[in-house]
Amino acid sequence: MNQYLGPWALLLQLGWTISLSIVGSLLIGVWVDRTLGTSPIGVLFFSLVGILVGSMIVYRQVSRAIAAAAEEQPRKKYHKVDYGDKEDADTKEDE
């Protein structure tokens, strides 16, 4: 069950992360604007901060998920194949 939940859990986590960071910073911006009387500046500034911080967190989460997936997959080992002492067909015909 857990193997099927993994990608969906990551998508839900990413969605909640970006949504909460933007909405939370937007609410902080509204509070700053009401408190200080700077009408659009607080909302704009904190919205941009929320977008940037949320994007950085999502990038970090995706990077960790990719690294974990790469470690879980077995590494392919390439072996050098020894074909023995094969001679070319042209040299055999000449003899």
Foldseek 3Di string as FASTA:
>chain_A
DVVVCVVVVLVVVLVVLLVCLQVVLQVVLVVCCVVVVPPCPSNVVSNVVSNVVSVVVNVVSVVVVVVVVVVPDDDDDDDDDDPDDDDDPVVVVVD
